[in-house]
Amino acid sequence: MAQDAGATTLALGVMEDNPRGRRAYARLGYDLTGERVHVREGRDELFLAKTLPPAPSSR
Protein backbone atom coordinates (compact mmCIF):
# COMPACT_ATOMS: atom_id res chain seq x y z
CA MET A 1 0.00 0.00 0.00
CA ALA A 2 0.97 3.64 -0.26
CA GLN A 3 1.84 3.94 3.44
CA ASP A 4 4.16 0.93 3.19
CA ALA A 5 6.06 2.79 0.47
CA GLY A 6 6.41 5.84 2.75
CA ALA A 7 3.63 7.98 1.24
CA THR A 8 1.94 10.43 3.61
CA THR A 9 -0.52 12.00 1.14
CA LEU A 10 -2.66 10.85 -1.77
CA ALA A 11 -3.57 13.38 -4.45
CA LEU A 12 -5.77 13.27 -7.53
CA GLY A 13 -7.50 15.46 -10.06
CA VAL A 14 -11.18 15.66 -10.99
CA MET A 15 -12.90 17.78 -13.61
CA GLU A 16 -14.65 20.84 -12.18
CA ASP A 17 -17.82 19.97 -14.10
CA ASN A 18 -18.03 16.50 -12.47
CA PRO A 19 -20.05 17.14 -9.27
CA ARG A 20 -20.70 13.43 -8.65
CA GLY A 21 -16.98 12.66 -8.75
CA ARG A 22 -16.20 15.62 -6.49
CA ARG A 23 -18.79 14.45 -3.94
CA ALA A 24 -17.50 10.87 -4.06
CA TYR A 25 -13.92 11.97 -3.36
CA ALA A 26 -15.11 14.28 -0.56
CA ARG A 27 -16.87 11.30 1.07
CA LEU A 28 -13.56 9.42 0.87
CA GLY A 29 -11.80 12.20 2.79
CA TYR A 30 -10.23 14.22 -0.04
CA ASP A 31 -10.13 18.03 0.26
CA LEU A 32 -9.64 20.64 -2.46
CA THR A 33 -6.06 21.91 -2.52
CA GLY A 34 -6.92 25.18 -4.29
CA GLU A 35 -4.92 24.17 -7.35
CA ARG A 36 -6.55 23.97 -10.76
CA VAL A 37 -5.36 23.47 -14.32
CA HIS A 38 -7.15 24.80 -17.37
CA VAL A 39 -7.57 21.72 -19.57
CA ARG A 40 -9.47 23.20 -22.49
CA GLU A 41 -12.12 25.81 -23.26
CA GLY A 42 -14.55 25.89 -20.36
CA ARG A 43 -13.02 22.94 -18.49
CA ASP A 44 -10.73 23.01 -15.47
CA GLU A 45 -9.28 20.15 -13.47
CA LEU A 46 -9.35 20.59 -9.69
CA PHE A 47 -6.83 18.90 -7.42
CA LEU A 48 -7.70 17.14 -4.19
CA ALA A 49 -5.56 15.49 -1.53
CA LYS A 50 -5.88 13.58 1.71
CA THR A 51 -3.42 12.78 4.46
CA LEU A 52 -2.82 9.10 5.10
CA PRO A 53 -2.61 7.62 8.57
CA PRO A 54 0.80 6.23 9.52
CA ALA A 55 1.55 2.71 8.31
CA PRO A 56 1.00 0.07 10.97
CA SER A 57 4.27 -0.91 12.58
CA SER A 58 5.50 -4.38 11.78
CA ARG A 59 6.53 -6.63 14.63
PDB file of N, CA and C in Angstrom:
ATOM      1  N   MET A   1       0.827  -1.173   0.000  1.00  0.00           N
ATOM      2  CA  MET A   1       0.000   0.000   0.000  1.00  0.00           C
ATOM      3  C   MET A   1       0.881   1.249   0.000  1.00  0.00           C
ATOM      4  N   ALA A   2       0.235   2.379  -0.177  1.00  0.00           N
ATOM      5  CA  ALA A   2       0.969   3.639  -0.262  1.00  0.00           C
ATOM      6  C   ALA A   2       1.754   3.931   1.016  1.00  0.00           C
ATOM      7  N   GLN A   3       1.143   3.673   2.178  1.00  0.00           N
ATOM      8  CA  GLN A   3       1.839   3.939   3.440  1.00  0.00           C
ATOM      9  C   GLN A   3       3.084   3.069   3.574  1.00  0.00           C
ATOM     10  N   ASP A   4       3.005   1.826   3.115  1.00  0.00           N
ATOM     11  CA  ASP A   4       4.157   0.931   3.191  1.00  0.00           C
ATOM     12  C   ASP A   4       5.326   1.452   2.368  1.00  0.00           C
ATOM     13  N   ALA A   5       5.019   2.214   1.321  1.00  0.00           N
ATOM     14  CA  ALA A   5       6.057   2.793   0.472  1.00  0.00           C
ATOM     15  C   ALA A   5       6.529   4.146   1.003  1.00  0.00           C
ATOM     16  N   GLY A   6       5.979   4.590   2.142  1.00  0.00           N
ATOM     17  CA  GLY A   6       6.405   5.845   2.750  1.00  0.00           C
ATOM     18  C   GLY A   6       5.565   7.050   2.378  1.00  0.00           C
ATOM     19  N   ALA A   7       4.482   6.855   1.630  1.00  0.00           N
ATOM     20  CA  ALA A   7       3.630   7.982   1.243  1.00  0.00           C
ATOM     21  C   ALA A   7       2.863   8.503   2.456  1.00  0.00           C
ATOM     22  N   THR A   8       2.714   9.819   2.530  1.00  0.00           N
ATOM     23  CA  THR A   8       1.941  10.434   3.610  1.00  0.00           C
ATOM     24  C   THR A   8       0.686  11.118   3.087  1.00  0.00           C
ATOM     25  N   THR A   9       0.607  11.302   1.762  1.00  0.00           N
ATOM     26  CA  THR A   9      -0.518  11.997   1.141  1.00  0.00           C
ATOM     27  C   THR A   9      -0.883  11.317  -0.168  1.00  0.00           C
ATOM     28  N   LEU A  10      -2.173  11.268  -0.456  1.00  0.00           N
ATOM     29  CA  LEU A  10      -2.657  10.847  -1.768  1.00  0.00           C
ATOM     30  C   LEU A  10      -3.275  12.064  -2.430  1.00  0.00           C
ATOM     31  N   ALA A  11      -3.017  12.245  -3.718  1.00  0.00           N
ATOM     32  CA  ALA A  11      -3.568  13.381  -4.453  1.00  0.00           C
ATOM     33  C   ALA A  11      -4.148  12.887  -5.770  1.00  0.00           C
ATOM     34  N   LEU A  12      -5.144  13.628  -6.260  1.00  0.00           N
ATOM     35  CA  LEU A  12      -5.772  13.273  -7.527  1.00  0.00           C
ATOM     36  C   LEU A  12      -6.406  14.509  -8.131  1.00  0.00           C
ATOM     37  N   GLY A  13      -6.814  14.373  -9.375  1.00  0.00           N
ATOM     38  CA  GLY A  13      -7.502  15.456 -10.059  1.00  0.00           C
ATOM     39  C   GLY A  13      -8.876  15.000 -10.506  1.00  0.00           C
ATOM     40  N   VAL A  14      -9.816  15.937 -10.532  1.00  0.00           N
ATOM     41  CA  VAL A  14     -11.177  15.662 -10.995  1.00  0.00           C
ATOM     42  C   VAL A  14     -11.646  16.894 -11.768  1.00  0.00           C
ATOM     43  N   MET A  15     -12.413  16.660 -12.807  1.00  0.00           N
ATOM     44  CA  MET A  15     -12.898  17.782 -13.605  1.00  0.00           C
ATOM     45  C   MET A  15     -13.896  18.612 -12.797  1.00  0.00           C
ATOM     46  N   GLU A  16     -13.784  19.925 -12.933  1.00  0.00           N
ATOM     47  CA  GLU A  16     -14.647  20.836 -12.181  1.00  0.00           C
ATOM     48  C   GLU A  16     -16.127  20.580 -12.481  1.00  0.00           C
ATOM     49  N   ASP A  17     -16.427  20.184 -13.714  1.00  0.00           N
ATOM     50  CA  ASP A  17     -17.822  19.970 -14.097  1.00  0.00           C
ATOM     51  C   ASP A  17     -18.293  18.535 -13.827  1.00  0.00           C
ATOM     52  N   ASN A  18     -17.654  17.860 -12.860  1.00  0.00           N
ATOM     53  CA  ASN A  18     -18.031  16.504 -12.467  1.00  0.00           C
ATOM     54  C   ASN A  18     -18.447  16.511 -10.990  1.00  0.00           C
ATOM     55  N   PRO A  19     -19.642  17.031 -10.681  1.00  0.00           N
ATOM     56  CA  PRO A  19     -20.046  17.136  -9.272  1.00  0.00           C
ATOM     57  C   PRO A  19     -20.178  15.788  -8.575  1.00  0.00           C
ATOM     58  N   ARG A  20     -20.589  14.752  -9.290  1.00  0.00           N
ATOM     59  CA  ARG A  20     -20.704  13.429  -8.654  1.00  0.00           C
ATOM     60  C   ARG A  20     -19.330  12.913  -8.238  1.00  0.00           C
ATOM     61  N   GLY A  21     -18.339  13.080  -9.095  1.00  0.00           N
ATOM     62  CA  GLY A  21     -16.983  12.664  -8.752  1.00  0.00           C
ATOM     63  C   GLY A  21     -16.439  13.460  -7.579  1.00  0.00           C
ATOM     64  N   ARG A  22     -16.676  14.766  -7.589  1.00  0.00           N
ATOM     65  CA  ARG A  22     -16.195  15.617  -6.494  1.00  0.00           C
ATOM     66  C   ARG A  22     -16.818  15.199  -5.166  1.00  0.00           C
ATOM     67  N   ARG A  23     -18.129  14.900  -5.173  1.00  0.00           N
ATOM     68  CA  ARG A  23     -18.795  14.451  -3.937  1.00  0.00           C
ATOM     69  C   ARG A  23     -18.253  13.101  -3.478  1.00  0.00           C
ATOM     70  N   ALA A  24     -18.018  12.194  -4.420  1.00  0.00           N
ATOM     71  CA  ALA A  24     -17.498  10.867  -4.058  1.00  0.00           C
ATOM     72  C   ALA A  24     -16.133  10.994  -3.387  1.00  0.00           C
ATOM     73  N   TYR A  25     -15.252  11.804  -3.958  1.00  0.00           N
ATOM     74  CA  TYR A  25     -13.924  11.969  -3.363  1.00  0.00           C
ATOM     75  C   TYR A  25     -14.012  12.670  -2.008  1.00  0.00           C
ATOM     76  N   ALA A  26     -14.933  13.615  -1.858  1.00  0.00           N
ATOM     77  CA  ALA A  26     -15.115  14.280  -0.558  1.00  0.00           C
ATOM     78  C   ALA A  26     -15.545  13.259   0.495  1.00  0.00           C
ATOM     79  N   ARG A  27     -16.440  12.344   0.126  1.00  0.00           N
ATOM     80  CA  ARG A  27     -16.870  11.305   1.072  1.00  0.00           C
ATOM     81  C   ARG A  27     -15.713  10.396   1.468  1.00  0.00           C
ATOM     82  N   LEU A  28     -14.729  10.254   0.581  1.00  0.00           N
ATOM     83  CA  LEU A  28     -13.558   9.417   0.867  1.00  0.00           C
ATOM     84  C   LEU A  28     -12.467  10.175   1.622  1.00  0.00           C
ATOM     85  N   GLY A  29     -12.741  11.439   1.967  1.00  0.00           N
ATOM     86  CA  GLY A  29     -11.799  12.199   2.787  1.00  0.00           C
ATOM     87  C   GLY A  29     -10.869  13.132   2.038  1.00  0.00           C
ATOM     88  N   TYR A  30     -11.075  13.312   0.741  1.00  0.00           N
ATOM     89  CA  TYR A  30     -10.234  14.224  -0.037  1.00  0.00           C
ATOM     90  C   TYR A  30     -10.742  15.650   0.109  1.00  0.00           C
ATOM     91  N   ASP A  31      -9.806  16.607   0.180  1.00  0.00           N
ATOM     92  CA  ASP A  31     -10.127  18.031   0.262  1.00  0.00           C
ATOM     93  C   ASP A  31      -9.516  18.756  -0.930  1.00  0.00           C
ATOM     94  N   LEU A  32     -10.189  19.811  -1.380  1.00  0.00           N
ATOM     95  CA  LEU A  32      -9.639  20.637  -2.456  1.00  0.00           C
ATOM     96  C   LEU A  32      -8.342  21.279  -1.992  1.00  0.00           C
ATOM     97  N   THR A  33      -7.338  21.298  -2.867  1.00  0.00           N
ATOM     98  CA  THR A  33      -6.056  21.913  -2.523  1.00  0.00           C
ATOM     99  C   THR A  33      -6.008  23.383  -2.921  1.00  0.00           C
ATOM    100  N   GLY A  34      -6.940  23.814  -3.772  1.00  0.00           N
ATOM    101  CA  GLY A  34      -6.920  25.180  -4.289  1.00  0.00           C
ATOM    102  C   GLY A  34      -6.214  25.273  -5.633  1.00  0.00           C
ATOM    103  N   GLU A  35      -5.586  24.179  -6.052  1.00  0.00           N
ATOM    104  CA  GLU A  35      -4.915  24.165  -7.355  1.00  0.00           C
ATOM    105  C   GLU A  35      -5.909  23.769  -8.430  1.00  0.00           C
ATOM    106  N   ARG A  36      -5.733  24.340  -9.606  1.00  0.00           N
ATOM    107  CA  ARG A  36      -6.546  23.972 -10.759  1.00  0.00           C
ATOM    108  C   ARG A  36      -5.722  24.157 -12.014  1.00  0.00           C
ATOM    109  N   VAL A  37      -6.043  23.379 -13.028  1.00  0.00           N
ATOM    110  CA  VAL A  37      -5.364  23.468 -14.316  1.00  0.00           C
ATOM    111  C   VAL A  37      -6.432  23.626 -15.385  1.00  0.00           C
ATOM    112  N   HIS A  38      -6.237  24.607 -16.247  1.00  0.00           N
ATOM    113  CA  HIS A  38      -7.155  24.798 -17.369  1.00  0.00           C
ATOM    114  C   HIS A  38      -6.837  23.725 -18.405  1.00  0.00           C
ATOM    115  N   VAL A  39      -7.790  22.835 -18.662  1.00  0.00           N
ATOM    116  CA  VAL A  39      -7.573  21.715 -19.571  1.00  0.00           C
ATOM    117  C   VAL A  39      -7.909  22.109 -21.000  1.00  0.00           C
ATOM    118  N   ARG A  40      -9.072  22.674 -21.187  1.00  0.00           N
ATOM    119  CA  ARG A  40      -9.469  23.196 -22.494  1.00  0.00           C
ATOM    120  C   ARG A  40     -10.624  24.162 -22.284  1.00  0.00           C
ATOM    121  N   GLU A  41     -11.083  24.778 -23.339  1.00  0.00           N
ATOM    122  CA  GLU A  41     -12.121  25.806 -23.259  1.00  0.00           C
ATOM    123  C   GLU A  41     -13.271  25.387 -22.346  1.00  0.00           C
ATOM    124  N   GLY A  42     -13.446  26.133 -21.265  1.00  0.00           N
ATOM    125  CA  GLY A  42     -14.554  25.894 -20.359  1.00  0.00           C
ATOM    126  C   GLY A  42     -14.390  24.728 -19.409  1.00  0.00           C
ATOM    127  N   ARG A  43     -13.210  24.103 -19.366  1.00  0.00           N
ATOM    128  CA  ARG A  43     -13.018  22.938 -18.489  1.00  0.00           C
ATOM    129  C   ARG A  43     -11.740  23.096 -17.682  1.00  0.00           C
ATOM    130  N   ASP A  44     -11.879  22.974 -16.374  1.00  0.00           N
ATOM    131  CA  ASP A  44     -10.734  23.014 -15.471  1.00  0.00           C
ATOM    132  C   ASP A  44     -10.687  21.722 -14.669  1.00  0.00           C
ATOM    133  N   GLU A  45      -9.471  21.293 -14.348  1.00  0.00           N
ATOM    134  CA  GLU A  45      -9.276  20.150 -13.473  1.00  0.00           C
ATOM    135  C   GLU A  45      -8.913  20.683 -12.095  1.00  0.00           C
ATOM    136  N   LEU A  46      -9.615  20.198 -11.070  1.00  0.00           N
ATOM    137  CA  LEU A  46      -9.351  20.591  -9.691  1.00  0.00           C
ATOM    138  C   LEU A  46      -8.538  19.490  -9.025  1.00  0.00           C
ATOM    139  N   PHE A  47      -7.661  19.886  -8.114  1.00  0.00           N
ATOM    140  CA  PHE A  47      -6.832  18.904  -7.423  1.00  0.00           C
ATOM    141  C   PHE A  47      -7.284  18.749  -5.984  1.00  0.00           C
ATOM    142  N   LEU A  48      -7.288  17.502  -5.535  1.00  0.00           N
ATOM    143  CA  LEU A  48      -7.705  17.142  -4.189  1.00  0.00           C
ATOM    144  C   LEU A  48      -6.606  16.295  -3.562  1.00  0.00           C
ATOM    145  N   ALA A  49      -6.560  16.298  -2.234  1.00  0.00           N
ATOM    146  CA  ALA A  49      -5.564  15.489  -1.526  1.00  0.00           C
ATOM    147  C   ALA A  49      -6.123  15.063  -0.183  1.00  0.00           C
ATOM    148  N   LYS A  50      -5.549  13.990   0.345  1.00  0.00           N
ATOM    149  CA  LYS A  50      -5.885  13.579   1.708  1.00  0.00           C
ATOM    150  C   LYS A  50      -4.633  13.029   2.367  1.00  0.00           C
ATOM    151  N   THR A  51      -4.548  13.259   3.669  1.00  0.00           N
ATOM    152  CA  THR A  51      -3.421  12.777   4.459  1.00  0.00           C
ATOM    153  C   THR A  51      -3.695  11.338   4.872  1.00  0.00           C
ATOM    154  N   LEU A  52      -2.689  10.510   4.731  1.00  0.00           N
ATOM    155  CA  LEU A  52      -2.822   9.102   5.100  1.00  0.00           C
ATOM    156  C   LEU A  52      -2.419   8.896   6.551  1.00  0.00           C
ATOM    157  N   PRO A  53      -3.064   7.953   7.222  1.00  0.00           N
ATOM    158  CA  PRO A  53      -2.611   7.617   8.572  1.00  0.00           C
ATOM    159  C   PRO A  53      -1.257   6.916   8.479  1.00  0.00           C
ATOM    160  N   PRO A  54      -0.490   6.923   9.549  1.00  0.00           N
ATOM    161  CA  PRO A  54       0.799   6.230   9.516  1.00  0.00           C
ATOM    162  C   PRO A  54       0.604   4.741   9.231  1.00  0.00           C
ATOM    163  N   ALA A  55       1.588   4.151   8.585  1.00  0.00           N
ATOM    164  CA  ALA A  55       1.546   2.712   8.315  1.00  0.00           C
ATOM    165  C   ALA A  55       1.622   1.964   9.637  1.00  0.00           C
ATOM    166  N   PRO A  56       0.897   0.867   9.742  1.00  0.00           N
ATOM    167  CA  PRO A  56       1.001   0.070  10.970  1.00  0.00           C
ATOM    168  C   PRO A  56       2.434  -0.431  11.138  1.00  0.00           C
ATOM    169  N   SER A  57       2.901  -0.433  12.351  1.00  0.00           N
ATOM    170  CA  SER A  57       4.273  -0.907  12.579  1.00  0.00           C
ATOM    171  C   SER A  57       4.299  -2.422  12.485  1.00  0.00           C
ATOM    172  N   SER A  58       5.359  -2.923  11.885  1.00  0.00           N
ATOM    173  CA  SER A  58       5.497  -4.379  11.784  1.00  0.00           C
ATOM    174  C   SER A  58       6.237  -4.889  13.011  1.00  0.00           C
ATOM    175  N   ARG A  59       5.900  -6.062  13.418  1.00  0.00           N
ATOM    176  CA  ARG A  59       6.530  -6.631  14.627  1.00  0.00           C
ATOM    177  C   ARG A  59       7.646  -7.546  14.263  1.00  0.00           C
TER     178      ARG A  59
END
